[in-house]
């Protein structure tokens, strides 16, 4: 047998490819074993149950996505690096397009599996905190007064972060219906258009500058 973590990852990646092609309903020991190039016994050695296999595959996908965001630079002009992170959240390349489709299939299936539901909720919390940090950084860089050095709970930042997350989620769904090349061409311009509107609205309604 392959070393446990390597063997599990190989199977999880086969699960991703199977889901991308056939949906979660297409995930079976036989299908995943064929995709991974291993025996059904190997799959069951690493994952005695179907639920364990799906949970590990979804968790690994979330970890991979999160690590990619964590590793992105956070130096230089704030508007540039925050924009780069927002772009990374969108399915703008072949790999991220497939990743998003697989994640969407997992989250749609999650309502039937408490373990997947808990993972989905944990990942959603991490994303919400990311959006709050991005919004706070953009607000702090814009010269608004009375912006504290770190995000505080129950502030206007939270509302702006929720709006930004809703926009990115909706934009991601829209781009997922396009080909990766179409999404890659259109996504950045749509994001930039929203950010321009948001900046103009903030200039007209500088509610953050009144805090304190």
N, C-alpha and C. Protein backbone atom coordinates (compact mmCIF):
# COMPACT_ATOMS: atom_id res chain seq x y z
N UNK A 1 0.84 -1.21 0.00
CA UNK A 1 0.00 0.00 0.00
C UNK A 1 0.88 1.26 0.00
N UNK A 2 0.37 2.31 -0.68
CA UNK A 2 1.07 3.59 -0.64
C UNK A 2 0.99 4.14 0.77
N UNK A 3 1.96 5.01 1.10
CA UNK A 3 1.88 5.69 2.39
C UNK A 3 0.50 6.31 2.52
N UNK A 4 -0.06 6.24 3.72
CA UNK A 4 -1.47 6.55 3.93
C UNK A 4 -1.88 7.90 3.34
N UNK A 5 -1.13 8.97 3.67
CA UNK A 5 -1.54 10.30 3.19
C UNK A 5 -1.45 10.39 1.68
N UNK A 6 -0.38 9.84 1.10
CA UNK A 6 -0.23 9.88 -0.35
C UNK A 6 -1.32 9.06 -1.03
N UNK A 7 -1.61 7.90 -0.46
CA UNK A 7 -2.64 7.06 -1.04
C UNK A 7 -4.01 7.72 -0.96
N UNK A 8 -4.29 8.36 0.16
CA UNK A 8 -5.57 9.04 0.32
C UNK A 8 -5.69 10.21 -0.66
N UNK A 9 -4.59 10.94 -0.82
CA UNK A 9 -4.63 12.08 -1.74
C UNK A 9 -4.87 11.61 -3.18
N UNK A 10 -4.21 10.54 -3.57
CA UNK A 10 -4.39 10.02 -4.93
C UNK A 10 -5.86 9.66 -5.18
N UNK A 11 -6.47 9.05 -4.18
CA UNK A 11 -7.87 8.67 -4.32
C UNK A 11 -8.77 9.92 -4.30
N UNK A 12 -8.45 10.88 -3.43
CA UNK A 12 -9.24 12.11 -3.37
C UNK A 12 -9.21 12.85 -4.70
N UNK A 13 -8.04 12.91 -5.31
CA UNK A 13 -7.94 13.57 -6.61
C UNK A 13 -8.75 12.83 -7.67
N UNK A 14 -8.81 11.50 -7.55
CA UNK A 14 -9.65 10.71 -8.45
C UNK A 14 -11.13 11.01 -8.20
N UNK A 15 -11.48 11.22 -6.93
CA UNK A 15 -12.86 11.61 -6.60
C UNK A 15 -13.19 12.94 -7.27
N UNK A 16 -12.27 13.91 -7.19
CA UNK A 16 -12.51 15.21 -7.83
C UNK A 16 -12.79 15.04 -9.32
N UNK A 17 -11.96 14.25 -9.98
CA UNK A 17 -12.12 14.07 -11.43
C UNK A 17 -13.45 13.37 -11.74
N UNK A 18 -13.80 12.42 -10.89
CA UNK A 18 -15.07 11.72 -11.09
C UNK A 18 -16.25 12.65 -10.90
N UNK A 19 -16.19 13.48 -9.86
CA UNK A 19 -17.26 14.44 -9.61
C UNK A 19 -17.36 15.45 -10.75
N UNK A 20 -16.22 15.92 -11.24
CA UNK A 20 -16.22 16.89 -12.34
C UNK A 20 -16.88 16.30 -13.59
N UNK A 21 -16.70 15.02 -13.79
CA UNK A 21 -17.22 14.36 -14.99
C UNK A 21 -18.66 13.86 -14.80
N UNK A 22 -18.93 13.23 -13.64
CA UNK A 22 -20.20 12.53 -13.47
C UNK A 22 -21.04 13.03 -12.31
N UNK A 23 -20.54 14.04 -11.56
CA UNK A 23 -21.27 14.50 -10.39
C UNK A 23 -21.03 13.59 -9.19
N UNK A 24 -21.51 14.00 -8.03
CA UNK A 24 -21.32 13.21 -6.81
C UNK A 24 -22.00 11.85 -6.94
N UNK A 25 -23.10 11.81 -7.67
CA UNK A 25 -23.81 10.54 -7.85
C UNK A 25 -22.96 9.49 -8.56
N UNK A 26 -21.96 9.94 -9.31
CA UNK A 26 -21.10 9.02 -10.04
C UNK A 26 -19.96 8.46 -9.22
N UNK A 27 -19.83 8.90 -7.97
CA UNK A 27 -18.73 8.44 -7.12
C UNK A 27 -19.07 7.09 -6.51
N UNK A 28 -18.31 6.08 -6.90
CA UNK A 28 -18.44 4.74 -6.34
C UNK A 28 -17.04 4.18 -6.17
N UNK A 29 -16.92 3.12 -5.42
CA UNK A 29 -15.60 2.49 -5.24
C UNK A 29 -15.04 2.08 -6.58
N UNK A 30 -15.85 1.48 -7.41
CA UNK A 30 -15.37 1.00 -8.71
C UNK A 30 -14.94 2.16 -9.60
N UNK A 31 -15.76 3.23 -9.66
CA UNK A 31 -15.43 4.36 -10.53
C UNK A 31 -14.17 5.08 -10.06
N UNK A 32 -14.05 5.28 -8.76
CA UNK A 32 -12.89 5.99 -8.22
C UNK A 32 -11.63 5.13 -8.37
N UNK A 33 -11.74 3.83 -8.14
CA UNK A 33 -10.59 2.95 -8.30
C UNK A 33 -10.09 2.98 -9.73
N UNK A 34 -11.00 2.94 -10.69
CA UNK A 34 -10.60 2.99 -12.11
C UNK A 34 -9.94 4.32 -12.44
N UNK A 35 -10.49 5.39 -11.89
CA UNK A 35 -9.95 6.73 -12.14
C UNK A 35 -8.56 6.88 -11.53
N UNK A 36 -8.37 6.31 -10.35
CA UNK A 36 -7.09 6.43 -9.65
C UNK A 36 -6.06 5.41 -10.13
N UNK A 37 -6.50 4.40 -10.86
CA UNK A 37 -5.59 3.37 -11.30
C UNK A 37 -5.18 2.42 -10.18
N UNK A 38 -6.11 2.17 -9.26
CA UNK A 38 -5.85 1.26 -8.14
C UNK A 38 -6.99 0.26 -8.08
N UNK A 39 -6.89 -0.70 -7.17
CA UNK A 39 -7.95 -1.68 -7.00
C UNK A 39 -9.03 -1.14 -6.08
N UNK A 40 -10.19 -1.77 -6.16
CA UNK A 40 -11.26 -1.40 -5.24
C UNK A 40 -10.87 -1.65 -3.80
N UNK A 41 -10.06 -2.70 -3.58
CA UNK A 41 -9.60 -2.99 -2.23
C UNK A 41 -8.73 -1.89 -1.66
N UNK A 42 -7.93 -1.27 -2.54
CA UNK A 42 -7.09 -0.15 -2.09
C UNK A 42 -7.95 1.03 -1.66
N UNK A 43 -8.98 1.32 -2.44
CA UNK A 43 -9.89 2.41 -2.08
C UNK A 43 -10.53 2.13 -0.73
N UNK A 44 -11.01 0.93 -0.53
CA UNK A 44 -11.68 0.59 0.72
C UNK A 44 -10.71 0.49 1.89
N UNK A 45 -9.44 0.19 1.61
CA UNK A 45 -8.43 0.20 2.67
C UNK A 45 -8.28 1.60 3.26
N UNK A 46 -8.22 2.59 2.37
CA UNK A 46 -8.06 3.97 2.83
C UNK A 46 -9.37 4.56 3.33
N UNK A 47 -10.48 4.16 2.70
CA UNK A 47 -11.78 4.73 3.05
C UNK A 47 -12.81 3.60 3.17
N UNK A 48 -13.01 3.10 4.38
CA UNK A 48 -13.95 1.99 4.57
C UNK A 48 -15.38 2.32 4.15
N UNK A 49 -15.74 3.62 4.20
CA UNK A 49 -17.10 3.99 3.82
C UNK A 49 -17.08 5.06 2.72
N UNK A 50 -18.16 5.10 1.99
CA UNK A 50 -18.35 6.10 0.94
C UNK A 50 -18.31 7.50 1.52
N UNK A 51 -18.95 7.69 2.68
CA UNK A 51 -19.00 9.01 3.32
C UNK A 51 -17.60 9.49 3.70
N UNK A 52 -16.76 8.59 4.22
CA UNK A 52 -15.39 8.98 4.58
C UNK A 52 -14.61 9.44 3.35
N UNK A 53 -14.81 8.77 2.23
CA UNK A 53 -14.11 9.13 1.01
C UNK A 53 -14.53 10.52 0.53
N UNK A 54 -15.83 10.78 0.53
CA UNK A 54 -16.32 12.09 0.11
C UNK A 54 -15.85 13.19 1.06
N UNK A 55 -15.89 12.92 2.36
CA UNK A 55 -15.51 13.93 3.34
C UNK A 55 -14.04 14.30 3.18
N UNK A 56 -13.18 13.29 3.03
CA UNK A 56 -11.75 13.58 2.88
C UNK A 56 -11.50 14.36 1.59
N UNK A 57 -12.17 13.98 0.51
CA UNK A 57 -11.97 14.67 -0.77
C UNK A 57 -12.41 16.12 -0.69
N UNK A 58 -13.52 16.38 -0.03
CA UNK A 58 -14.01 17.75 0.11
C UNK A 58 -13.09 18.55 1.03
N UNK A 59 -12.66 17.93 2.13
CA UNK A 59 -11.78 18.63 3.07
C UNK A 59 -10.43 18.96 2.43
N UNK A 60 -9.90 18.04 1.65
CA UNK A 60 -8.63 18.28 0.98
C UNK A 60 -8.76 19.40 -0.05
N UNK A 61 -9.89 19.44 -0.75
CA UNK A 61 -10.12 20.52 -1.71
C UNK A 61 -10.17 21.87 -1.00
N UNK A 62 -10.86 21.93 0.14
CA UNK A 62 -10.94 23.17 0.91
C UNK A 62 -9.56 23.57 1.43
N UNK A 63 -8.78 22.60 1.91
CA UNK A 63 -7.44 22.90 2.40
C UNK A 63 -6.55 23.43 1.29
N UNK A 64 -6.62 22.82 0.13
CA UNK A 64 -5.80 23.25 -1.00
C UNK A 64 -6.14 24.66 -1.42
N UNK A 65 -7.42 24.96 -1.47
CA UNK A 65 -7.89 26.29 -1.85
C UNK A 65 -7.46 27.32 -0.81
N UNK A 66 -7.65 26.98 0.47
CA UNK A 66 -7.30 27.90 1.55
C UNK A 66 -5.80 28.18 1.56
N UNK A 67 -5.00 27.14 1.39
CA UNK A 67 -3.54 27.31 1.41
C UNK A 67 -3.09 28.22 0.28
N UNK A 68 -3.72 28.09 -0.88
CA UNK A 68 -3.36 28.94 -2.01
C UNK A 68 -3.64 30.41 -1.68
N UNK A 69 -4.74 30.68 -1.00
CA UNK A 69 -5.05 32.06 -0.61
C UNK A 69 -4.08 32.56 0.45
N UNK A 70 -3.76 31.70 1.42
CA UNK A 70 -2.84 32.08 2.49
C UNK A 70 -1.46 32.44 1.93
N UNK A 71 -1.04 31.73 0.88
CA UNK A 71 0.29 31.94 0.32
C UNK A 71 0.37 33.16 -0.60
N UNK A 72 -0.74 33.79 -0.90
CA UNK A 72 -0.71 34.95 -1.80
C UNK A 72 -0.08 36.15 -1.09
N UNK A 73 0.68 36.97 -1.80
CA UNK A 73 1.35 38.13 -1.20
C UNK A 73 0.35 39.12 -0.61
N UNK A 74 0.75 39.70 0.50
CA UNK A 74 -0.05 40.75 1.14
C UNK A 74 0.85 41.94 1.42
N UNK A 75 1.57 42.36 0.40
CA UNK A 75 2.46 43.52 0.51
C UNK A 75 2.28 44.38 -0.72
N UNK A 76 2.78 45.60 -0.63
CA UNK A 76 2.62 46.53 -1.74
C UNK A 76 1.29 47.26 -1.64
N UNK A 77 0.86 47.89 -2.74
CA UNK A 77 -0.40 48.63 -2.72
C UNK A 77 -1.58 47.74 -2.32
N UNK A 78 -2.33 48.17 -1.32
CA UNK A 78 -3.40 47.34 -0.77
C UNK A 78 -4.46 47.02 -1.81
N UNK A 79 -4.83 48.00 -2.62
CA UNK A 79 -5.88 47.76 -3.61
C UNK A 79 -5.46 46.69 -4.61
N UNK A 80 -4.15 46.58 -4.86
CA UNK A 80 -3.68 45.59 -5.82
C UNK A 80 -3.69 44.18 -5.24
N UNK A 81 -3.15 44.01 -4.01
CA UNK A 81 -3.10 42.64 -3.50
C UNK A 81 -4.46 42.14 -3.04
N UNK A 82 -5.33 43.05 -2.59
CA UNK A 82 -6.69 42.59 -2.25
C UNK A 82 -7.45 42.21 -3.52
N UNK A 83 -7.24 42.95 -4.59
CA UNK A 83 -7.87 42.59 -5.87
C UNK A 83 -7.37 41.23 -6.35
N UNK A 84 -6.08 40.97 -6.20
CA UNK A 84 -5.52 39.69 -6.63
C UNK A 84 -6.16 38.53 -5.87
N UNK A 85 -6.39 38.71 -4.58
CA UNK A 85 -7.03 37.66 -3.79
C UNK A 85 -8.47 37.45 -4.24
N UNK A 86 -9.18 38.54 -4.49
CA UNK A 86 -10.56 38.42 -4.97
C UNK A 86 -10.61 37.69 -6.32
N UNK A 87 -9.67 37.96 -7.18
CA UNK A 87 -9.62 37.27 -8.47
C UNK A 87 -9.36 35.78 -8.27
N UNK A 88 -8.55 35.44 -7.27
CA UNK A 88 -8.25 34.04 -7.00
C UNK A 88 -9.49 33.28 -6.55
N UNK A 89 -10.47 33.99 -6.02
CA UNK A 89 -11.71 33.37 -5.57
C UNK A 89 -12.65 33.04 -6.73
N UNK A 90 -12.31 33.49 -7.92
CA UNK A 90 -13.17 33.30 -9.09
C UNK A 90 -12.63 32.19 -10.00
N UNK A 91 -13.51 31.47 -10.69
CA UNK A 91 -13.09 30.37 -11.59
C UNK A 91 -12.63 30.90 -12.94
N UNK A 92 -11.40 31.44 -12.98
CA UNK A 92 -10.92 32.14 -14.17
C UNK A 92 -9.94 31.32 -15.01
N UNK A 93 -9.58 30.14 -14.54
CA UNK A 93 -8.66 29.28 -15.30
C UNK A 93 -9.27 27.88 -15.39
N UNK A 94 -8.67 27.04 -16.22
CA UNK A 94 -9.18 25.67 -16.36
C UNK A 94 -9.20 24.97 -15.00
N UNK A 95 -8.09 25.07 -14.26
CA UNK A 95 -8.00 24.37 -12.97
C UNK A 95 -9.00 24.89 -11.97
N UNK A 96 -9.11 26.22 -11.84
CA UNK A 96 -10.03 26.80 -10.86
C UNK A 96 -11.49 26.61 -11.29
N UNK A 97 -11.73 26.54 -12.60
CA UNK A 97 -13.07 26.28 -13.10
C UNK A 97 -13.51 24.88 -12.67
N UNK A 98 -12.64 23.90 -12.86
CA UNK A 98 -12.96 22.53 -12.44
C UNK A 98 -13.10 22.45 -10.92
N UNK A 99 -12.20 23.12 -10.22
CA UNK A 99 -12.24 23.13 -8.75
C UNK A 99 -13.56 23.70 -8.24
N UNK A 100 -14.00 24.79 -8.85
CA UNK A 100 -15.25 25.41 -8.42
C UNK A 100 -16.44 24.49 -8.70
N UNK A 101 -16.44 23.85 -9.86
CA UNK A 101 -17.54 22.95 -10.20
C UNK A 101 -17.61 21.78 -9.22
N UNK A 102 -16.44 21.26 -8.85
CA UNK A 102 -16.41 20.15 -7.89
C UNK A 102 -16.87 20.62 -6.52
N UNK A 103 -16.38 21.78 -6.09
CA UNK A 103 -16.80 22.31 -4.78
C UNK A 103 -18.30 22.56 -4.76
N UNK A 104 -18.84 23.09 -5.83
CA UNK A 104 -20.27 23.35 -5.91
C UNK A 104 -21.06 22.05 -5.80
N UNK A 105 -20.57 21.00 -6.45
CA UNK A 105 -21.23 19.70 -6.36
C UNK A 105 -21.18 19.16 -4.93
N UNK A 106 -20.04 19.31 -4.27
CA UNK A 106 -19.91 18.85 -2.88
C UNK A 106 -20.89 19.60 -1.97
N UNK A 107 -20.93 20.93 -2.11
CA UNK A 107 -21.78 21.71 -1.21
C UNK A 107 -23.26 21.45 -1.48
N UNK A 108 -23.61 21.18 -2.73
CA UNK A 108 -25.00 20.83 -3.04
C UNK A 108 -25.38 19.51 -2.40
N UNK A 109 -24.42 18.58 -2.38
CA UNK A 109 -24.65 17.26 -1.78
C UNK A 109 -24.61 17.32 -0.25
N UNK A 110 -24.03 18.38 0.30
CA UNK A 110 -23.77 18.44 1.75
C UNK A 110 -25.02 18.32 2.59
N UNK A 111 -26.18 18.75 2.08
CA UNK A 111 -27.38 18.71 2.92
C UNK A 111 -27.81 17.29 3.26
N UNK A 112 -27.24 16.30 2.58
CA UNK A 112 -27.57 14.91 2.87
C UNK A 112 -26.58 14.25 3.81
N UNK A 113 -25.53 15.00 4.19
CA UNK A 113 -24.44 14.41 4.99
C UNK A 113 -24.03 15.41 6.06
N UNK A 114 -24.31 15.12 7.34
CA UNK A 114 -23.96 16.06 8.42
C UNK A 114 -22.47 16.41 8.46
N UNK A 115 -21.60 15.44 8.13
CA UNK A 115 -20.17 15.71 8.13
C UNK A 115 -19.79 16.72 7.08
N UNK A 116 -20.36 16.60 5.89
CA UNK A 116 -20.08 17.55 4.83
C UNK A 116 -20.69 18.91 5.16
N UNK A 117 -21.85 18.91 5.80
CA UNK A 117 -22.49 20.16 6.19
C UNK A 117 -21.60 20.94 7.17
N UNK A 118 -21.03 20.23 8.15
CA UNK A 118 -20.14 20.88 9.13
C UNK A 118 -18.90 21.44 8.44
N UNK A 119 -18.35 20.69 7.49
CA UNK A 119 -17.18 21.17 6.76
C UNK A 119 -17.53 22.40 5.93
N UNK A 120 -18.67 22.36 5.27
CA UNK A 120 -19.11 23.49 4.47
C UNK A 120 -19.26 24.74 5.35
N UNK A 121 -19.83 24.58 6.52
CA UNK A 121 -20.03 25.71 7.42
C UNK A 121 -18.71 26.26 7.94
N UNK A 122 -17.77 25.35 8.25
CA UNK A 122 -16.46 25.78 8.74
C UNK A 122 -15.72 26.57 7.66
N UNK A 123 -15.78 26.10 6.44
CA UNK A 123 -15.13 26.79 5.34
C UNK A 123 -15.80 28.14 5.09
N UNK A 124 -17.12 28.19 5.20
CA UNK A 124 -17.85 29.45 5.01
C UNK A 124 -17.43 30.48 6.05
N UNK A 125 -17.20 30.03 7.28
CA UNK A 125 -16.74 30.94 8.33
C UNK A 125 -15.37 31.50 7.99
N UNK A 126 -14.47 30.64 7.51
CA UNK A 126 -13.13 31.09 7.13
C UNK A 126 -13.20 32.11 5.99
N UNK A 127 -14.06 31.86 5.03
CA UNK A 127 -14.20 32.80 3.92
C UNK A 127 -14.77 34.14 4.39
N UNK A 128 -15.75 34.09 5.28
CA UNK A 128 -16.34 35.32 5.80
C UNK A 128 -15.29 36.16 6.51
N UNK A 129 -14.43 35.51 7.28
CA UNK A 129 -13.35 36.23 7.96
C UNK A 129 -12.36 36.82 6.95
N UNK A 130 -12.09 36.09 5.85
CA UNK A 130 -11.22 36.61 4.81
C UNK A 130 -11.80 37.87 4.19
N UNK A 131 -13.08 37.84 3.86
CA UNK A 131 -13.71 39.02 3.27
C UNK A 131 -13.68 40.21 4.24
N UNK A 132 -13.86 39.94 5.52
CA UNK A 132 -13.80 41.02 6.50
C UNK A 132 -12.40 41.65 6.54
N UNK A 133 -11.36 40.81 6.46
CA UNK A 133 -10.00 41.34 6.47
C UNK A 133 -9.71 42.14 5.19
N UNK A 134 -10.20 41.65 4.07
CA UNK A 134 -9.98 42.38 2.81
C UNK A 134 -10.68 43.73 2.82
N UNK A 135 -11.91 43.74 3.28
CA UNK A 135 -12.65 45.01 3.36
C UNK A 135 -11.97 45.97 4.31
N UNK A 136 -11.54 45.45 5.46
CA UNK A 136 -10.89 46.32 6.44
C UNK A 136 -9.61 46.92 5.86
N UNK A 137 -8.83 46.09 5.16
CA UNK A 137 -7.59 46.58 4.58
C UNK A 137 -7.86 47.66 3.53
N UNK A 138 -8.88 47.45 2.71
CA UNK A 138 -9.21 48.44 1.68
C UNK A 138 -9.72 49.74 2.30
N UNK A 139 -10.52 49.62 3.35
CA UNK A 139 -11.01 50.82 4.04
C UNK A 139 -9.85 51.58 4.68
N UNK A 140 -8.97 50.86 5.34
CA UNK A 140 -7.85 51.51 6.02
C UNK A 140 -6.92 52.20 5.04
N UNK A 141 -6.78 51.65 3.83
CA UNK A 141 -5.88 52.23 2.84
C UNK A 141 -6.48 53.43 2.12
N UNK A 142 -7.80 53.60 2.28
CA UNK A 142 -8.48 54.64 1.51
C UNK A 142 -8.41 56.01 2.18
N UNK A 143 -7.80 56.06 3.37
CA UNK A 143 -7.69 57.34 4.06
C UNK A 143 -8.87 57.69 4.91
N UNK A 144 -9.79 56.72 5.12
CA UNK A 144 -10.92 57.01 5.97
C UNK A 144 -10.45 57.16 7.42
N UNK A 145 -11.04 58.04 8.14
CA UNK A 145 -10.62 58.30 9.51
C UNK A 145 -11.29 57.33 10.47
N UNK A 146 -10.66 57.17 11.63
CA UNK A 146 -11.22 56.36 12.71
C UNK A 146 -11.40 54.89 12.36
N UNK A 147 -10.59 54.39 11.45
CA UNK A 147 -10.63 52.95 11.17
C UNK A 147 -9.65 52.27 12.11
N UNK A 148 -10.09 51.38 12.99
CA UNK A 148 -9.18 50.75 13.95
C UNK A 148 -8.15 49.88 13.25
N UNK A 149 -7.08 49.52 13.97
CA UNK A 149 -5.98 48.77 13.37
C UNK A 149 -6.36 47.34 13.03
N UNK A 150 -7.38 46.80 13.64
CA UNK A 150 -7.84 45.45 13.31
C UNK A 150 -9.36 45.45 13.25
N UNK A 151 -9.94 44.54 12.46
CA UNK A 151 -11.40 44.54 12.32
C UNK A 151 -12.09 44.31 13.66
N UNK A 152 -13.14 45.06 13.91
CA UNK A 152 -13.92 44.90 15.13
C UNK A 152 -15.27 44.27 14.77
N UNK A 153 -15.84 43.47 15.66
CA UNK A 153 -17.13 42.84 15.36
C UNK A 153 -18.25 43.87 15.33
N UNK A 154 -19.31 43.53 14.60
CA UNK A 154 -20.51 44.36 14.56
C UNK A 154 -20.22 45.77 14.08
N UNK A 155 -19.41 45.93 13.08
CA UNK A 155 -19.14 47.22 12.49
C UNK A 155 -19.66 47.25 11.08
N UNK A 156 -19.60 48.43 10.45
CA UNK A 156 -20.04 48.55 9.06
C UNK A 156 -19.17 47.71 8.14
N UNK A 157 -17.93 47.42 8.56
CA UNK A 157 -17.07 46.53 7.77
C UNK A 157 -17.75 45.18 7.51
N UNK A 158 -18.45 44.68 8.53
CA UNK A 158 -19.10 43.39 8.41
C UNK A 158 -20.16 43.41 7.31
N UNK A 159 -20.92 44.49 7.26
CA UNK A 159 -21.96 44.60 6.24
C UNK A 159 -21.34 44.69 4.85
N UNK A 160 -20.29 45.49 4.72
CA UNK A 160 -19.62 45.61 3.43
C UNK A 160 -19.00 44.28 3.01
N UNK A 161 -18.46 43.54 3.98
CA UNK A 161 -17.86 42.24 3.68
C UNK A 161 -18.93 41.26 3.21
N UNK A 162 -20.11 41.31 3.82
CA UNK A 162 -21.20 40.43 3.41
C UNK A 162 -21.65 40.74 1.99
N UNK A 163 -21.69 42.03 1.65
CA UNK A 163 -22.06 42.43 0.29
C UNK A 163 -21.01 41.95 -0.71
N UNK A 164 -19.73 42.15 -0.35
CA UNK A 164 -18.65 41.72 -1.24
C UNK A 164 -18.70 40.21 -1.45
N UNK A 165 -18.94 39.45 -0.38
CA UNK A 165 -19.00 38.00 -0.50
C UNK A 165 -20.16 37.58 -1.40
N UNK A 166 -21.30 38.25 -1.25
CA UNK A 166 -22.46 37.92 -2.08
C UNK A 166 -22.15 38.21 -3.55
N UNK A 167 -21.46 39.30 -3.81
CA UNK A 167 -21.11 39.65 -5.19
C UNK A 167 -20.16 38.62 -5.79
N UNK A 168 -19.12 38.27 -5.03
CA UNK A 168 -18.15 37.29 -5.52
C UNK A 168 -18.80 35.94 -5.73
N UNK A 169 -19.66 35.52 -4.80
CA UNK A 169 -20.36 34.24 -4.96
C UNK A 169 -21.22 34.24 -6.23
N UNK A 170 -21.96 35.33 -6.42
CA UNK A 170 -22.82 35.42 -7.60
C UNK A 170 -22.01 35.48 -8.89
N UNK A 171 -20.92 36.23 -8.86
CA UNK A 171 -20.06 36.34 -10.04
C UNK A 171 -19.43 34.99 -10.36
N UNK A 172 -19.01 34.27 -9.33
CA UNK A 172 -18.41 32.95 -9.54
C UNK A 172 -19.41 32.00 -10.21
N UNK A 173 -20.65 32.04 -9.77
CA UNK A 173 -21.67 31.19 -10.38
C UNK A 173 -21.90 31.57 -11.84
N UNK A 174 -21.90 32.86 -12.11
CA UNK A 174 -22.09 33.32 -13.48
C UNK A 174 -20.93 32.88 -14.37
N UNK A 175 -19.71 33.03 -13.87
CA UNK A 175 -18.53 32.66 -14.65
C UNK A 175 -18.42 31.14 -14.83
N UNK A 176 -18.94 30.39 -13.87
CA UNK A 176 -18.88 28.93 -13.97
C UNK A 176 -19.71 28.39 -15.12
N UNK A 177 -20.68 29.18 -15.59
CA UNK A 177 -21.50 28.77 -16.73
C UNK A 177 -20.84 29.08 -18.05
N UNK A 178 -19.69 29.78 -18.01
CA UNK A 178 -18.95 30.11 -19.22
C UNK A 178 -17.82 29.09 -19.40
N UNK A 179 -17.17 29.14 -20.55
CA UNK A 179 -15.94 28.37 -20.71
C UNK A 179 -14.86 29.06 -19.89
N UNK A 180 -13.83 28.33 -19.46
CA UNK A 180 -12.75 28.96 -18.70
C UNK A 180 -12.12 30.15 -19.43
N UNK A 181 -11.99 30.08 -20.76
CA UNK A 181 -11.40 31.19 -21.50
C UNK A 181 -12.31 32.41 -21.47
N UNK A 182 -13.62 32.19 -21.60
CA UNK A 182 -14.57 33.30 -21.51
C UNK A 182 -14.56 33.91 -20.11
N UNK A 183 -14.54 33.04 -19.09
CA UNK A 183 -14.52 33.52 -17.72
C UNK A 183 -13.25 34.31 -17.44
N UNK A 184 -12.12 33.82 -17.94
CA UNK A 184 -10.85 34.50 -17.72
C UNK A 184 -10.81 35.86 -18.37
N UNK A 185 -11.51 36.01 -19.48
CA UNK A 185 -11.54 37.29 -20.18
C UNK A 185 -12.51 38.28 -19.53
N UNK A 186 -13.65 37.76 -19.07
CA UNK A 186 -14.70 38.64 -18.56
C UNK A 186 -14.61 38.89 -17.06
N UNK A 187 -14.16 37.90 -16.29
CA UNK A 187 -14.19 38.02 -14.84
C UNK A 187 -13.47 39.23 -14.26
N UNK A 188 -12.21 39.47 -14.65
CA UNK A 188 -11.51 40.63 -14.08
C UNK A 188 -12.20 41.97 -14.36
N UNK A 189 -12.75 42.12 -15.55
CA UNK A 189 -13.40 43.40 -15.87
C UNK A 189 -14.68 43.58 -15.07
N UNK A 190 -15.42 42.49 -14.85
CA UNK A 190 -16.63 42.57 -14.04
C UNK A 190 -16.29 42.89 -12.58
N UNK A 191 -15.24 42.25 -12.06
CA UNK A 191 -14.82 42.55 -10.69
C UNK A 191 -14.39 44.00 -10.57
N UNK A 192 -13.57 44.47 -11.51
CA UNK A 192 -13.10 45.86 -11.46
C UNK A 192 -14.27 46.84 -11.53
N UNK A 193 -15.27 46.51 -12.33
CA UNK A 193 -16.44 47.39 -12.44
C UNK A 193 -17.15 47.49 -11.10
N UNK A 194 -17.31 46.36 -10.42
CA UNK A 194 -17.95 46.39 -9.10
C UNK A 194 -17.12 47.18 -8.11
N UNK A 195 -15.81 46.97 -8.09
CA UNK A 195 -14.96 47.68 -7.14
C UNK A 195 -14.98 49.18 -7.38
N UNK A 196 -15.08 49.59 -8.64
CA UNK A 196 -15.19 51.01 -8.95
C UNK A 196 -16.51 51.58 -8.42
N UNK A 197 -17.58 50.84 -8.61
CA UNK A 197 -18.89 51.29 -8.10
C UNK A 197 -18.86 51.37 -6.59
N UNK A 198 -18.27 50.36 -5.94
CA UNK A 198 -18.20 50.35 -4.48
C UNK A 198 -17.38 51.52 -3.96
N UNK A 199 -16.26 51.83 -4.63
CA UNK A 199 -15.42 52.95 -4.20
C UNK A 199 -16.15 54.27 -4.37
N UNK A 200 -16.88 54.41 -5.48
CA UNK A 200 -17.63 55.65 -5.71
C UNK A 200 -18.73 55.80 -4.68
N UNK A 201 -19.40 54.70 -4.34
CA UNK A 201 -20.45 54.75 -3.33
C UNK A 201 -19.89 55.12 -1.97
N UNK A 202 -18.70 54.60 -1.64
CA UNK A 202 -18.08 54.92 -0.35
C UNK A 202 -17.73 56.40 -0.27
N UNK A 203 -17.30 56.97 -1.40
CA UNK A 203 -16.98 58.40 -1.42
C UNK A 203 -18.23 59.24 -1.19
N UNK A 204 -19.36 58.76 -1.72
CA UNK A 204 -20.61 59.50 -1.56
C UNK A 204 -21.22 59.30 -0.18
N UNK A 205 -20.98 58.11 0.39
CA UNK A 205 -21.58 57.76 1.70
C UNK A 205 -20.49 57.25 2.63
N UNK A 206 -19.62 58.12 3.10
CA UNK A 206 -18.47 57.68 3.93
C UNK A 206 -18.87 57.36 5.35
N UNK A 207 -19.73 56.30 5.53
CA UNK A 207 -20.21 55.98 6.87
C UNK A 207 -19.10 55.55 7.80
N UNK A 208 -18.00 55.01 7.24
CA UNK A 208 -16.91 54.56 8.12
C UNK A 208 -16.17 55.73 8.76
N UNK A 209 -16.16 56.86 8.11
CA UNK A 209 -15.41 57.98 8.65
C UNK A 209 -16.06 58.58 9.89
N UNK A 210 -17.30 58.19 10.15
CA UNK A 210 -18.02 58.74 11.31
C UNK A 210 -17.87 57.88 12.54
N UNK A 211 -17.15 56.76 12.44
CA UNK A 211 -17.02 55.89 13.60
C UNK A 211 -16.16 56.54 14.68
N UNK A 212 -16.39 56.13 15.88
CA UNK A 212 -15.60 56.65 16.98
C UNK A 212 -16.51 57.17 18.03
